[in-house]
Amino acid sequence: MPWEYEDADIITLCEDCHEKESGRSSTEKAFIYALKLVFSKEDIEYIYDGLMEYSISRDHKKTADKIVAILKDRNAQIRSRKIRGT
């Protein structure tokens, strides 16, 4: 029920935004799970702090695109090392 939540946990959305937010919870849980598999608590806090500092008044889509590009590049480097045996 609404009164069981803190005010800070509740946001008001228009119908279109509410539609976009549907399913977000499961996506966020999957993302957090993936972070926990790869990063330590300290790493996650460091990433969070960096995102909060960087994303203020920036284009969030561009930020997400850069993060994905960095991760894809890093994964390619790891796969390349495994293939070469280094």
N, C-alpha and C. Protein backbone atom coordinates (compact mmCIF):
# COMPACT_ATOMS: atom_id res chain seq x y z
N MET A 1 0.83 -1.17 0.00
CA MET A 1 0.00 0.00 0.00
C MET A 1 0.89 1.26 0.00
N PRO A 2 0.41 2.35 -0.53
CA PRO A 2 1.23 3.56 -0.64
C PRO A 2 1.81 4.04 0.69
N TRP A 3 1.10 3.90 1.77
CA TRP A 3 1.58 4.40 3.06
C TRP A 3 2.69 3.53 3.63
N GLU A 4 2.98 2.39 3.01
CA GLU A 4 4.06 1.51 3.47
C GLU A 4 5.42 1.91 2.90
N TYR A 5 5.45 2.94 2.07
CA TYR A 5 6.69 3.38 1.43
C TYR A 5 7.08 4.75 1.92
N GLU A 6 8.38 5.00 1.90
CA GLU A 6 8.89 6.33 2.23
C GLU A 6 8.52 7.28 1.09
N ASP A 7 8.29 8.55 1.41
CA ASP A 7 7.95 9.54 0.38
C ASP A 7 9.02 9.60 -0.72
N ALA A 8 10.29 9.46 -0.32
CA ALA A 8 11.39 9.54 -1.29
C ALA A 8 11.37 8.39 -2.30
N ASP A 9 10.68 7.29 -1.95
CA ASP A 9 10.62 6.13 -2.84
C ASP A 9 9.48 6.20 -3.85
N ILE A 10 8.67 7.24 -3.76
CA ILE A 10 7.49 7.34 -4.62
C ILE A 10 7.67 8.51 -5.59
N ILE A 11 7.41 8.23 -6.87
CA ILE A 11 7.43 9.30 -7.87
C ILE A 11 6.10 9.25 -8.62
N THR A 12 5.70 10.38 -9.13
CA THR A 12 4.47 10.47 -9.91
C THR A 12 4.83 10.49 -11.39
N LEU A 13 4.19 9.61 -12.14
CA LEU A 13 4.48 9.51 -13.57
C LEU A 13 3.22 9.74 -14.38
N CYS A 14 3.38 10.33 -15.55
CA CYS A 14 2.26 10.43 -16.48
C CYS A 14 2.03 9.02 -17.06
N GLU A 15 0.97 8.84 -17.77
CA GLU A 15 0.63 7.51 -18.30
C GLU A 15 1.72 6.98 -19.24
N ASP A 16 2.24 7.85 -20.12
CA ASP A 16 3.28 7.42 -21.05
C ASP A 16 4.55 6.99 -20.31
N CYS A 17 4.96 7.78 -19.33
CA CYS A 17 6.16 7.45 -18.56
C CYS A 17 5.95 6.18 -17.75
N HIS A 18 4.77 6.00 -17.21
CA HIS A 18 4.46 4.79 -16.45
C HIS A 18 4.61 3.56 -17.35
N GLU A 19 4.15 3.67 -18.58
CA GLU A 19 4.27 2.59 -19.55
C GLU A 19 5.74 2.25 -19.80
N LYS A 20 6.58 3.27 -19.92
CA LYS A 20 8.01 3.07 -20.17
C LYS A 20 8.69 2.41 -18.97
N GLU A 21 8.22 2.72 -17.78
CA GLU A 21 8.85 2.21 -16.56
C GLU A 21 8.45 0.77 -16.24
N SER A 22 7.40 0.27 -16.88
CA SER A 22 6.96 -1.11 -16.63
C SER A 22 8.09 -2.06 -16.97
N GLY A 23 8.37 -2.99 -16.08
CA GLY A 23 9.44 -3.95 -16.31
C GLY A 23 10.81 -3.45 -15.92
N ARG A 24 10.91 -2.21 -15.52
CA ARG A 24 12.22 -1.65 -15.16
C ARG A 24 12.81 -2.37 -13.95
N SER A 25 11.98 -2.72 -13.00
CA SER A 25 12.46 -3.36 -11.79
C SER A 25 13.22 -4.65 -12.09
N SER A 26 12.68 -5.49 -12.97
CA SER A 26 13.37 -6.74 -13.29
C SER A 26 14.67 -6.47 -14.04
N THR A 27 14.69 -5.46 -14.88
CA THR A 27 15.91 -5.09 -15.60
C THR A 27 16.96 -4.58 -14.62
N GLU A 28 16.54 -3.76 -13.67
CA GLU A 28 17.48 -3.24 -12.67
C GLU A 28 18.04 -4.37 -11.82
N LYS A 29 17.20 -5.31 -11.44
CA LYS A 29 17.68 -6.45 -10.64
C LYS A 29 18.70 -7.26 -11.42
N ALA A 30 18.44 -7.49 -12.70
CA ALA A 30 19.39 -8.24 -13.54
C ALA A 30 20.70 -7.48 -13.68
N PHE A 31 20.62 -6.16 -13.83
CA PHE A 31 21.81 -5.33 -13.96
C PHE A 31 22.64 -5.38 -12.67
N ILE A 32 21.99 -5.24 -11.55
CA ILE A 32 22.69 -5.29 -10.25
C ILE A 32 23.33 -6.66 -10.05
N TYR A 33 22.63 -7.72 -10.43
CA TYR A 33 23.19 -9.06 -10.33
C TYR A 33 24.46 -9.18 -11.17
N ALA A 34 24.41 -8.66 -12.40
CA ALA A 34 25.57 -8.70 -13.29
C ALA A 34 26.74 -7.91 -12.69
N LEU A 35 26.44 -6.74 -12.11
CA LEU A 35 27.49 -5.95 -11.47
C LEU A 35 28.15 -6.73 -10.33
N LYS A 36 27.33 -7.40 -9.53
CA LYS A 36 27.85 -8.15 -8.39
C LYS A 36 28.73 -9.32 -8.83
N LEU A 37 28.44 -9.88 -9.99
CA LEU A 37 29.26 -10.99 -10.49
C LEU A 37 30.66 -10.54 -10.87
N VAL A 38 30.79 -9.29 -11.31
CA VAL A 38 32.05 -8.82 -11.86
C VAL A 38 32.81 -7.90 -10.90
N PHE A 39 32.09 -7.06 -10.16
CA PHE A 39 32.72 -6.02 -9.37
C PHE A 39 32.54 -6.22 -7.87
N SER A 40 33.51 -5.72 -7.11
CA SER A 40 33.39 -5.71 -5.65
C SER A 40 32.46 -4.58 -5.23
N LYS A 41 32.09 -4.58 -3.96
CA LYS A 41 31.25 -3.51 -3.42
C LYS A 41 31.92 -2.15 -3.63
N GLU A 42 33.22 -2.09 -3.37
CA GLU A 42 33.96 -0.85 -3.53
C GLU A 42 33.97 -0.40 -4.99
N ASP A 43 34.13 -1.35 -5.92
CA ASP A 43 34.10 -1.02 -7.34
C ASP A 43 32.76 -0.43 -7.73
N ILE A 44 31.68 -1.05 -7.24
CA ILE A 44 30.34 -0.58 -7.58
C ILE A 44 30.11 0.82 -7.02
N GLU A 45 30.57 1.08 -5.81
CA GLU A 45 30.45 2.42 -5.24
C GLU A 45 31.23 3.44 -6.06
N TYR A 46 32.41 3.04 -6.51
CA TYR A 46 33.25 3.92 -7.32
C TYR A 46 32.57 4.23 -8.66
N ILE A 47 32.01 3.21 -9.28
CA ILE A 47 31.28 3.39 -10.54
C ILE A 47 30.08 4.30 -10.32
N TYR A 48 29.34 4.06 -9.24
CA TYR A 48 28.17 4.89 -8.92
C TYR A 48 28.57 6.35 -8.76
N ASP A 49 29.61 6.58 -7.96
CA ASP A 49 30.06 7.96 -7.74
C ASP A 49 30.45 8.63 -9.05
N GLY A 50 31.15 7.89 -9.91
CA GLY A 50 31.55 8.44 -11.20
C GLY A 50 30.36 8.75 -12.08
N LEU A 51 29.38 7.86 -12.09
CA LEU A 51 28.18 8.11 -12.89
C LEU A 51 27.42 9.33 -12.39
N MET A 52 27.29 9.45 -11.08
CA MET A 52 26.55 10.57 -10.53
C MET A 52 27.25 11.89 -10.85
N GLU A 53 28.56 11.89 -10.75
CA GLU A 53 29.31 13.11 -11.05
C GLU A 53 29.27 13.43 -12.54
N TYR A 54 29.43 12.42 -13.38
CA TYR A 54 29.50 12.63 -14.82
C TYR A 54 28.14 12.95 -15.43
N SER A 55 27.10 12.28 -14.97
CA SER A 55 25.82 12.36 -15.67
C SER A 55 25.00 13.61 -15.35
N ILE A 56 25.46 14.39 -14.40
CA ILE A 56 24.74 15.62 -14.09
C ILE A 56 24.79 16.55 -15.30
N SER A 57 23.64 16.89 -15.79
CA SER A 57 23.46 17.79 -16.95
C SER A 57 24.14 17.29 -18.22
N ARG A 58 24.24 15.99 -18.38
CA ARG A 58 24.81 15.41 -19.60
C ARG A 58 23.73 14.59 -20.30
N ASP A 59 24.02 14.23 -21.51
CA ASP A 59 23.13 13.40 -22.30
C ASP A 59 23.27 11.95 -21.81
N HIS A 60 22.27 11.43 -21.15
CA HIS A 60 22.35 10.10 -20.55
C HIS A 60 22.49 9.00 -21.59
N LYS A 61 21.90 9.18 -22.76
CA LYS A 61 22.03 8.19 -23.83
C LYS A 61 23.49 8.09 -24.27
N LYS A 62 24.16 9.23 -24.42
CA LYS A 62 25.57 9.22 -24.81
C LYS A 62 26.42 8.57 -23.72
N THR A 63 26.09 8.82 -22.46
CA THR A 63 26.81 8.21 -21.36
C THR A 63 26.67 6.69 -21.43
N ALA A 64 25.45 6.21 -21.61
CA ALA A 64 25.21 4.76 -21.71
C ALA A 64 25.95 4.18 -22.91
N ASP A 65 25.93 4.87 -24.03
CA ASP A 65 26.64 4.40 -25.22
C ASP A 65 28.14 4.27 -24.97
N LYS A 66 28.71 5.23 -24.26
CA LYS A 66 30.14 5.18 -23.96
C LYS A 66 30.47 4.02 -23.03
N ILE A 67 29.64 3.79 -22.04
CA ILE A 67 29.86 2.67 -21.11
C ILE A 67 29.81 1.35 -21.87
N VAL A 68 28.83 1.18 -22.73
CA VAL A 68 28.71 -0.05 -23.52
C VAL A 68 29.92 -0.23 -24.42
N ALA A 69 30.37 0.84 -25.06
CA ALA A 69 31.54 0.75 -25.94
C ALA A 69 32.78 0.33 -25.17
N ILE A 70 32.97 0.90 -23.99
CA ILE A 70 34.12 0.55 -23.16
C ILE A 70 34.06 -0.92 -22.75
N LEU A 71 32.89 -1.39 -22.33
CA LEU A 71 32.75 -2.78 -21.91
C LEU A 71 32.94 -3.75 -23.07
N LYS A 72 32.41 -3.40 -24.24
CA LYS A 72 32.59 -4.26 -25.41
C LYS A 72 34.07 -4.34 -25.79
N ASP A 73 34.75 -3.20 -25.74
CA ASP A 73 36.18 -3.17 -26.06
C ASP A 73 36.96 -4.01 -25.05
N ARG A 74 36.62 -3.87 -23.79
CA ARG A 74 37.30 -4.63 -22.73
C ARG A 74 37.06 -6.13 -22.91
N ASN A 75 35.83 -6.52 -23.23
CA ASN A 75 35.52 -7.92 -23.46
C ASN A 75 36.29 -8.46 -24.66
N ALA A 76 36.42 -7.66 -25.70
CA ALA A 76 37.18 -8.07 -26.88
C ALA A 76 38.65 -8.28 -26.51
N GLN A 77 39.20 -7.42 -25.69
CA GLN A 77 40.59 -7.56 -25.25
C GLN A 77 40.78 -8.85 -24.45
N ILE A 78 39.83 -9.15 -23.57
CA ILE A 78 39.91 -10.36 -22.75
C ILE A 78 39.84 -11.60 -23.63
N ARG A 79 38.89 -11.61 -24.59
CA ARG A 79 38.77 -12.76 -25.50
C ARG A 79 40.03 -12.93 -26.32
N SER A 80 40.62 -11.84 -26.77
CA SER A 80 41.83 -11.89 -27.57
C SER A 80 42.98 -12.50 -26.76
N ARG A 81 43.11 -12.13 -25.51
CA ARG A 81 44.17 -12.68 -24.65
C ARG A 81 43.97 -14.16 -24.43
N LYS A 82 42.71 -14.59 -24.25
CA LYS A 82 42.42 -16.01 -24.04
C LYS A 82 42.80 -16.82 -25.27
N ILE A 83 42.51 -16.27 -26.45
CA ILE A 83 42.82 -16.97 -27.70
C ILE A 83 44.33 -17.08 -27.87
N ARG A 84 45.05 -16.01 -27.55
CA ARG A 84 46.53 -16.01 -27.69
C ARG A 84 47.20 -16.73 -26.53
N GLY A 85 46.45 -16.95 -25.44
CA GLY A 85 47.02 -17.63 -24.29
C GLY A 85 47.89 -16.76 -23.42
N THR A 86 47.65 -15.43 -23.46
CA THR A 86 48.45 -14.51 -22.65
C THR A 86 47.65 -14.03 -21.46
